[in-house]
Amino acid sequence: MRLVLQIFLYLPLFLTFWYAHAELAIWISWLPGLFTTRILDLTGILAGTIICGGLSGAIFAAPLAALYRSAAVPIALSISALAAFFDLYNAQFNGRLPFTVVAMILDAVILVVALPLFVHFIKKLRPNNSSKPTPLRGAA
């Protein structure tokens, strides 16, 4: 039953991950407008791409780790790589400034790396459920 659920939820997870990333990218577009100088404006664009990719990875890490358990990191990598490929395929690089192209490529790289990294961290945070009694020293 779990395998059937994993297979049927792969495509919806991919689509919602990509859609959430796109919505976060639209939402974070206010960040560069906070700055007055061009250099800080460009820094805001880079910060926006990092925040957008990181948030989308953090949002989907727990459901992926819970659903796919031992195969969660490779599945997360495949979902994030497909989403980044889809973003780059639909991106229009013609007529863009070089810095914007760099920001778009950095956004794709962070999109690929963030989700598997968060899933890996969640898998490492498993609680230690071993209950060992504490020894009674000096009590006899």
N, C-alpha and C. Protein backbone atom coordinates (compact mmCIF):
# COMPACT_ATOMS: atom_id res chain seq x y z
N MET A 1 0.82 -1.19 0.00
CA MET A 1 0.00 0.00 0.00
C MET A 1 0.87 1.27 0.00
N ARG A 2 1.97 1.21 0.77
CA ARG A 2 2.86 2.37 0.84
C ARG A 2 3.50 2.63 -0.51
N LEU A 3 3.88 1.57 -1.23
CA LEU A 3 4.50 1.74 -2.54
C LEU A 3 3.53 2.37 -3.53
N VAL A 4 2.29 1.96 -3.48
CA VAL A 4 1.27 2.54 -4.37
C VAL A 4 1.10 4.02 -4.05
N LEU A 5 1.06 4.35 -2.78
CA LEU A 5 0.93 5.75 -2.36
C LEU A 5 2.15 6.57 -2.81
N GLN A 6 3.33 5.99 -2.69
CA GLN A 6 4.55 6.68 -3.11
C GLN A 6 4.54 6.95 -4.61
N ILE A 7 4.09 5.99 -5.38
CA ILE A 7 4.06 6.16 -6.84
C ILE A 7 3.03 7.20 -7.25
N PHE A 8 1.85 7.13 -6.67
CA PHE A 8 0.79 8.05 -7.05
C PHE A 8 1.02 9.48 -6.55
N LEU A 9 1.78 9.65 -5.48
CA LEU A 9 2.02 10.99 -4.96
C LEU A 9 3.27 11.66 -5.51
N TYR A 10 4.05 10.96 -6.33
CA TYR A 10 5.27 11.56 -6.86
C TYR A 10 4.96 12.77 -7.75
N LEU A 11 4.08 12.60 -8.71
CA LEU A 11 3.76 13.70 -9.61
C LEU A 11 3.07 14.87 -8.90
N PRO A 12 2.08 14.63 -8.02
CA PRO A 12 1.53 15.78 -7.29
C PRO A 12 2.54 16.49 -6.40
N LEU A 13 3.48 15.75 -5.80
CA LEU A 13 4.52 16.40 -4.99
C LEU A 13 5.43 17.25 -5.87
N PHE A 14 5.78 16.74 -7.04
CA PHE A 14 6.61 17.51 -7.96
C PHE A 14 5.89 18.79 -8.38
N LEU A 15 4.64 18.66 -8.78
CA LEU A 15 3.89 19.83 -9.25
C LEU A 15 3.68 20.86 -8.14
N THR A 16 3.36 20.42 -6.94
CA THR A 16 3.16 21.38 -5.86
C THR A 16 4.48 22.00 -5.41
N PHE A 17 5.57 21.25 -5.46
CA PHE A 17 6.88 21.81 -5.14
C PHE A 17 7.24 22.90 -6.15
N TRP A 18 7.06 22.61 -7.43
CA TRP A 18 7.38 23.60 -8.45
C TRP A 18 6.45 24.81 -8.34
N TYR A 19 5.17 24.58 -8.08
CA TYR A 19 4.22 25.68 -7.97
C TYR A 19 4.52 26.54 -6.74
N ALA A 20 4.85 25.90 -5.63
CA ALA A 20 5.19 26.65 -4.42
C ALA A 20 6.44 27.50 -4.65
N HIS A 21 7.42 26.95 -5.34
CA HIS A 21 8.62 27.73 -5.66
C HIS A 21 8.27 28.92 -6.54
N ALA A 22 7.41 28.71 -7.53
CA ALA A 22 7.02 29.82 -8.42
C ALA A 22 6.26 30.90 -7.65
N GLU A 23 5.37 30.49 -6.76
CA GLU A 23 4.62 31.47 -5.97
C GLU A 23 5.52 32.22 -4.99
N LEU A 24 6.47 31.51 -4.40
CA LEU A 24 7.43 32.18 -3.52
C LEU A 24 8.30 33.16 -4.29
N ALA A 25 8.65 32.81 -5.53
CA ALA A 25 9.45 33.72 -6.35
C ALA A 25 8.67 34.99 -6.67
N ILE A 26 7.38 34.85 -6.91
CA ILE A 26 6.55 36.04 -7.16
C ILE A 26 6.38 36.84 -5.88
N TRP A 27 6.20 36.15 -4.76
CA TRP A 27 5.99 36.84 -3.49
C TRP A 27 7.24 37.60 -3.05
N ILE A 28 8.42 37.04 -3.28
CA ILE A 28 9.66 37.64 -2.79
C ILE A 28 10.15 38.76 -3.72
N SER A 29 9.42 39.06 -4.78
CA SER A 29 9.86 40.08 -5.73
C SER A 29 9.90 41.49 -5.12
N TRP A 30 9.31 41.69 -3.94
CA TRP A 30 9.37 42.99 -3.27
C TRP A 30 10.73 43.25 -2.64
N LEU A 31 11.52 42.20 -2.42
CA LEU A 31 12.78 42.35 -1.69
C LEU A 31 13.78 43.30 -2.37
N PRO A 32 14.03 43.19 -3.68
CA PRO A 32 14.99 44.15 -4.27
C PRO A 32 14.51 45.60 -4.23
N GLY A 33 13.22 45.84 -4.17
CA GLY A 33 12.70 47.19 -4.13
C GLY A 33 12.96 47.92 -2.83
N LEU A 34 13.44 47.21 -1.82
CA LEU A 34 13.73 47.84 -0.53
C LEU A 34 14.97 48.71 -0.57
N PHE A 35 15.83 48.47 -1.53
CA PHE A 35 17.12 49.13 -1.55
C PHE A 35 17.14 50.26 -2.58
N THR A 36 17.96 51.26 -2.34
CA THR A 36 18.01 52.42 -3.22
C THR A 36 19.17 52.36 -4.20
N THR A 37 20.27 51.76 -3.82
CA THR A 37 21.42 51.72 -4.73
C THR A 37 21.36 50.45 -5.58
N ARG A 38 22.02 50.49 -6.69
CA ARG A 38 22.00 49.37 -7.64
C ARG A 38 22.68 48.14 -7.06
N ILE A 39 23.76 48.32 -6.33
CA ILE A 39 24.49 47.18 -5.77
C ILE A 39 23.62 46.45 -4.74
N LEU A 40 22.97 47.20 -3.87
CA LEU A 40 22.11 46.58 -2.88
C LEU A 40 20.87 45.97 -3.54
N ASP A 41 20.42 46.56 -4.63
CA ASP A 41 19.30 46.00 -5.38
C ASP A 41 19.67 44.64 -5.95
N LEU A 42 20.87 44.51 -6.48
CA LEU A 42 21.34 43.23 -7.00
C LEU A 42 21.54 42.22 -5.88
N THR A 43 22.00 42.70 -4.74
CA THR A 43 22.12 41.82 -3.57
C THR A 43 20.75 41.33 -3.13
N GLY A 44 19.75 42.17 -3.21
CA GLY A 44 18.38 41.77 -2.88
C GLY A 44 17.85 40.71 -3.83
N ILE A 45 18.23 40.80 -5.10
CA ILE A 45 17.82 39.77 -6.06
C ILE A 45 18.45 38.43 -5.70
N LEU A 46 19.74 38.43 -5.37
CA LEU A 46 20.40 37.18 -4.97
C LEU A 46 19.83 36.64 -3.67
N ALA A 47 19.57 37.52 -2.70
CA ALA A 47 18.98 37.07 -1.44
C ALA A 47 17.58 36.50 -1.67
N GLY A 48 16.84 37.10 -2.59
CA GLY A 48 15.51 36.59 -2.90
C GLY A 48 15.55 35.20 -3.49
N THR A 49 16.52 34.92 -4.35
CA THR A 49 16.62 33.58 -4.93
C THR A 49 17.01 32.55 -3.87
N ILE A 50 17.89 32.95 -2.95
CA ILE A 50 18.30 32.02 -1.89
C ILE A 50 17.14 31.75 -0.94
N ILE A 51 16.41 32.79 -0.56
CA ILE A 51 15.26 32.62 0.34
C ILE A 51 14.18 31.78 -0.31
N CYS A 52 13.92 32.04 -1.58
CA CYS A 52 12.86 31.33 -2.29
C CYS A 52 13.17 29.83 -2.40
N GLY A 53 14.38 29.49 -2.81
CA GLY A 53 14.76 28.08 -2.92
C GLY A 53 14.83 27.39 -1.58
N GLY A 54 15.34 28.11 -0.58
CA GLY A 54 15.43 27.52 0.76
C GLY A 54 14.08 27.27 1.39
N LEU A 55 13.17 28.22 1.27
CA LEU A 55 11.83 28.04 1.83
C LEU A 55 11.06 26.92 1.16
N SER A 56 11.15 26.84 -0.15
CA SER A 56 10.43 25.77 -0.83
C SER A 56 11.01 24.40 -0.45
N GLY A 57 12.32 24.33 -0.26
CA GLY A 57 12.91 23.07 0.20
C GLY A 57 12.52 22.73 1.62
N ALA A 58 12.45 23.74 2.49
CA ALA A 58 12.09 23.50 3.89
C ALA A 58 10.62 23.08 4.03
N ILE A 59 9.76 23.62 3.20
CA ILE A 59 8.33 23.30 3.29
C ILE A 59 8.07 21.85 2.92
N PHE A 60 8.75 21.34 1.91
CA PHE A 60 8.44 20.00 1.41
C PHE A 60 9.35 18.91 1.96
N ALA A 61 10.29 19.24 2.81
CA ALA A 61 11.23 18.24 3.31
C ALA A 61 10.56 17.22 4.24
N ALA A 62 9.75 17.68 5.16
CA ALA A 62 9.12 16.76 6.12
C ALA A 62 8.14 15.79 5.46
N PRO A 63 7.26 16.24 4.56
CA PRO A 63 6.39 15.25 3.91
C PRO A 63 7.14 14.23 3.07
N LEU A 64 8.20 14.67 2.39
CA LEU A 64 8.98 13.71 1.60
C LEU A 64 9.71 12.72 2.48
N ALA A 65 10.28 13.19 3.58
CA ALA A 65 10.99 12.28 4.49
C ALA A 65 10.03 11.28 5.13
N ALA A 66 8.81 11.71 5.43
CA ALA A 66 7.84 10.81 6.05
C ALA A 66 7.28 9.80 5.05
N LEU A 67 7.10 10.21 3.82
CA LEU A 67 6.49 9.33 2.83
C LEU A 67 7.47 8.33 2.24
N TYR A 68 8.67 8.77 1.93
CA TYR A 68 9.61 7.91 1.22
C TYR A 68 10.67 7.27 2.11
N ARG A 69 10.75 7.65 3.35
CA ARG A 69 11.66 7.09 4.35
C ARG A 69 13.07 6.86 3.86
N SER A 70 13.45 5.62 3.52
CA SER A 70 14.85 5.32 3.18
C SER A 70 15.26 5.89 1.82
N ALA A 71 14.32 6.05 0.92
CA ALA A 71 14.65 6.58 -0.42
C ALA A 71 14.31 8.06 -0.53
N ALA A 72 14.18 8.75 0.58
CA ALA A 72 13.71 10.13 0.56
C ALA A 72 14.71 11.09 -0.09
N VAL A 73 15.99 10.91 0.16
CA VAL A 73 16.98 11.84 -0.39
C VAL A 73 17.07 11.71 -1.92
N PRO A 74 17.16 10.49 -2.49
CA PRO A 74 17.18 10.42 -3.96
C PRO A 74 15.87 10.89 -4.61
N ILE A 75 14.74 10.61 -3.98
CA ILE A 75 13.47 11.08 -4.52
C ILE A 75 13.41 12.60 -4.46
N ALA A 76 13.87 13.18 -3.35
CA ALA A 76 13.89 14.64 -3.23
C ALA A 76 14.81 15.25 -4.27
N LEU A 77 15.94 14.61 -4.54
CA LEU A 77 16.85 15.10 -5.56
C LEU A 77 16.21 15.04 -6.94
N SER A 78 15.47 13.97 -7.22
CA SER A 78 14.83 13.87 -8.53
C SER A 78 13.72 14.91 -8.68
N ILE A 79 12.95 15.13 -7.63
CA ILE A 79 11.87 16.13 -7.70
C ILE A 79 12.46 17.52 -7.88
N SER A 80 13.48 17.85 -7.10
CA SER A 80 14.05 19.20 -7.20
C SER A 80 14.80 19.40 -8.51
N ALA A 81 15.46 18.36 -9.02
CA ALA A 81 16.16 18.49 -10.30
C ALA A 81 15.17 18.67 -11.45
N LEU A 82 14.06 17.95 -11.41
CA LEU A 82 13.02 18.13 -12.44
C LEU A 82 12.42 19.52 -12.39
N ALA A 83 12.19 20.03 -11.18
CA ALA A 83 11.62 21.37 -11.04
C ALA A 83 12.60 22.42 -11.56
N ALA A 84 13.88 22.27 -11.25
CA ALA A 84 14.89 23.22 -11.73
C ALA A 84 15.03 23.13 -13.25
N PHE A 85 15.01 21.93 -13.78
CA PHE A 85 15.09 21.77 -15.23
C PHE A 85 13.88 22.42 -15.90
N PHE A 86 12.71 22.24 -15.32
CA PHE A 86 11.50 22.84 -15.87
C PHE A 86 11.58 24.37 -15.82
N ASP A 87 12.11 24.90 -14.73
CA ASP A 87 12.30 26.35 -14.63
C ASP A 87 13.28 26.87 -15.67
N LEU A 88 14.40 26.20 -15.82
CA LEU A 88 15.40 26.65 -16.79
C LEU A 88 14.91 26.48 -18.23
N TYR A 89 14.12 25.44 -18.47
CA TYR A 89 13.58 25.23 -19.81
C TYR A 89 12.62 26.34 -20.21
N ASN A 90 11.85 26.82 -19.25
CA ASN A 90 10.87 27.87 -19.53
C ASN A 90 11.43 29.29 -19.35
N ALA A 91 12.65 29.40 -18.89
CA ALA A 91 13.25 30.72 -18.69
C ALA A 91 13.62 31.34 -20.04
N GLN A 92 13.49 32.62 -20.12
CA GLN A 92 13.87 33.34 -21.33
C GLN A 92 15.15 34.13 -21.04
N PHE A 93 16.27 33.62 -21.55
CA PHE A 93 17.55 34.25 -21.30
C PHE A 93 17.87 35.34 -22.32
N ASN A 94 17.17 35.37 -23.43
CA ASN A 94 17.44 36.36 -24.47
C ASN A 94 17.02 37.75 -24.00
N GLY A 95 17.91 38.70 -24.16
CA GLY A 95 17.60 40.08 -23.81
C GLY A 95 17.68 40.39 -22.32
N ARG A 96 18.13 39.44 -21.52
CA ARG A 96 18.27 39.67 -20.08
C ARG A 96 19.67 40.20 -19.78
N LEU A 97 19.76 40.94 -18.70
CA LEU A 97 21.06 41.40 -18.24
C LEU A 97 21.86 40.21 -17.71
N PRO A 98 23.19 40.26 -17.80
CA PRO A 98 24.00 39.12 -17.34
C PRO A 98 23.77 38.79 -15.87
N PHE A 99 23.57 39.80 -15.04
CA PHE A 99 23.34 39.52 -13.63
C PHE A 99 22.03 38.78 -13.41
N THR A 100 21.02 39.10 -14.20
CA THR A 100 19.74 38.41 -14.08
C THR A 100 19.87 36.95 -14.50
N VAL A 101 20.67 36.70 -15.53
CA VAL A 101 20.91 35.31 -15.97
C VAL A 101 21.62 34.54 -14.87
N VAL A 102 22.61 35.16 -14.23
CA VAL A 102 23.32 34.52 -13.13
C VAL A 102 22.36 34.23 -11.98
N ALA A 103 21.48 35.17 -11.67
CA ALA A 103 20.51 34.98 -10.59
C ALA A 103 19.55 33.84 -10.92
N MET A 104 19.15 33.71 -12.17
CA MET A 104 18.25 32.63 -12.57
C MET A 104 18.94 31.27 -12.47
N ILE A 105 20.20 31.21 -12.85
CA ILE A 105 20.95 29.96 -12.74
C ILE A 105 21.21 29.62 -11.28
N LEU A 106 21.52 30.62 -10.46
CA LEU A 106 21.71 30.39 -9.03
C LEU A 106 20.41 29.91 -8.38
N ASP A 107 19.30 30.44 -8.83
CA ASP A 107 18.01 29.99 -8.32
C ASP A 107 17.79 28.52 -8.65
N ALA A 108 18.16 28.10 -9.85
CA ALA A 108 18.01 26.69 -10.22
C ALA A 108 18.94 25.79 -9.40
N VAL A 109 20.16 26.26 -9.15
CA VAL A 109 21.10 25.47 -8.36
C VAL A 109 20.59 25.31 -6.92
N ILE A 110 20.11 26.39 -6.35
CA ILE A 110 19.59 26.32 -4.98
C ILE A 110 18.33 25.46 -4.92
N LEU A 111 17.52 25.53 -5.97
CA LEU A 111 16.33 24.70 -6.04
C LEU A 111 16.69 23.22 -6.06
N VAL A 112 17.77 22.87 -6.75
CA VAL A 112 18.20 21.47 -6.81
C VAL A 112 18.78 21.02 -5.47
N VAL A 113 19.51 21.88 -4.80
CA VAL A 113 20.26 21.48 -3.60
C VAL A 113 19.41 21.54 -2.33
N ALA A 114 18.50 22.49 -2.22
CA ALA A 114 17.82 22.76 -0.94
C ALA A 114 16.95 21.60 -0.46
N LEU A 115 16.12 21.06 -1.33
CA LEU A 115 15.20 20.00 -0.89
C LEU A 115 15.93 18.75 -0.42
N PRO A 116 16.88 18.18 -1.19
CA PRO A 116 17.59 17.01 -0.67
C PRO A 116 18.38 17.29 0.60
N LEU A 117 18.91 18.50 0.71
CA LEU A 117 19.68 18.85 1.90
C LEU A 117 18.79 18.90 3.14
N PHE A 118 17.62 19.52 3.02
CA PHE A 118 16.69 19.55 4.15
C PHE A 118 16.17 18.16 4.50
N VAL A 119 15.91 17.33 3.49
CA VAL A 119 15.47 15.96 3.76
C VAL A 119 16.57 15.19 4.48
N HIS A 120 17.80 15.38 4.06
CA HIS A 120 18.93 14.71 4.72
C HIS A 120 19.04 15.15 6.18
N PHE A 121 18.88 16.45 6.44
CA PHE A 121 18.93 16.94 7.82
C PHE A 121 17.79 16.39 8.66
N ILE A 122 16.61 16.29 8.09
CA ILE A 122 15.46 15.74 8.84
C ILE A 122 15.70 14.28 9.16
N LYS A 123 16.27 13.53 8.23
CA LYS A 123 16.55 12.12 8.49
C LYS A 123 17.61 11.95 9.57
N LYS A 124 18.52 12.90 9.68
CA LYS A 124 19.56 12.83 10.73
C LYS A 124 19.04 13.25 12.10
N LEU A 125 17.90 13.92 12.16
CA LEU A 125 17.35 14.39 13.42
C LEU A 125 16.43 13.39 14.10
N ARG A 126 16.51 12.15 13.72
CA ARG A 126 15.66 11.14 14.35
C ARG A 126 15.97 11.03 15.84
N PRO A 127 14.95 10.87 16.65
CA PRO A 127 15.21 10.78 18.10
C PRO A 127 15.85 9.45 18.47
N ASN A 128 16.59 9.49 19.52
CA ASN A 128 17.18 8.28 20.07
C ASN A 128 16.19 7.68 21.06
N ASN A 129 15.60 6.57 20.69
CA ASN A 129 14.55 5.97 21.52
C ASN A 129 15.08 4.88 22.43
N SER A 130 16.37 4.79 22.57
CA SER A 130 16.90 3.77 23.46
C SER A 130 16.74 4.23 24.92
N SER A 131 16.18 3.37 25.71
CA SER A 131 15.99 3.71 27.12
C SER A 131 16.85 2.78 27.96
N LYS A 132 17.93 3.30 28.43
CA LYS A 132 18.84 2.53 29.27
C LYS A 132 18.68 3.03 30.70
N PRO A 133 18.57 2.13 31.63
CA PRO A 133 18.45 2.59 33.02
C PRO A 133 19.76 3.20 33.51
N THR A 134 19.63 4.22 34.31
CA THR A 134 20.84 4.83 34.87
C THR A 134 21.33 3.97 36.03
N PRO A 135 22.61 3.75 36.09
CA PRO A 135 23.12 2.90 37.18
C PRO A 135 23.04 3.62 38.52
N LEU A 136 22.79 2.84 39.53
CA LEU A 136 22.72 3.39 40.89
C LEU A 136 24.12 3.22 41.51
N ARG A 137 24.84 4.29 41.58
CA ARG A 137 26.19 4.22 42.14
C ARG A 137 26.14 4.46 43.65
N GLY A 138 26.77 3.57 44.32
CA GLY A 138 26.87 3.71 45.76
C GLY A 138 25.63 3.25 46.51
N ALA A 139 24.63 2.86 45.81
CA ALA A 139 23.41 2.39 46.49
C ALA A 139 23.46 0.87 46.58
N ALA A 140 23.38 0.40 47.77
CA ALA A 140 23.37 -1.05 47.94
C ALA A 140 22.62 -1.42 49.19
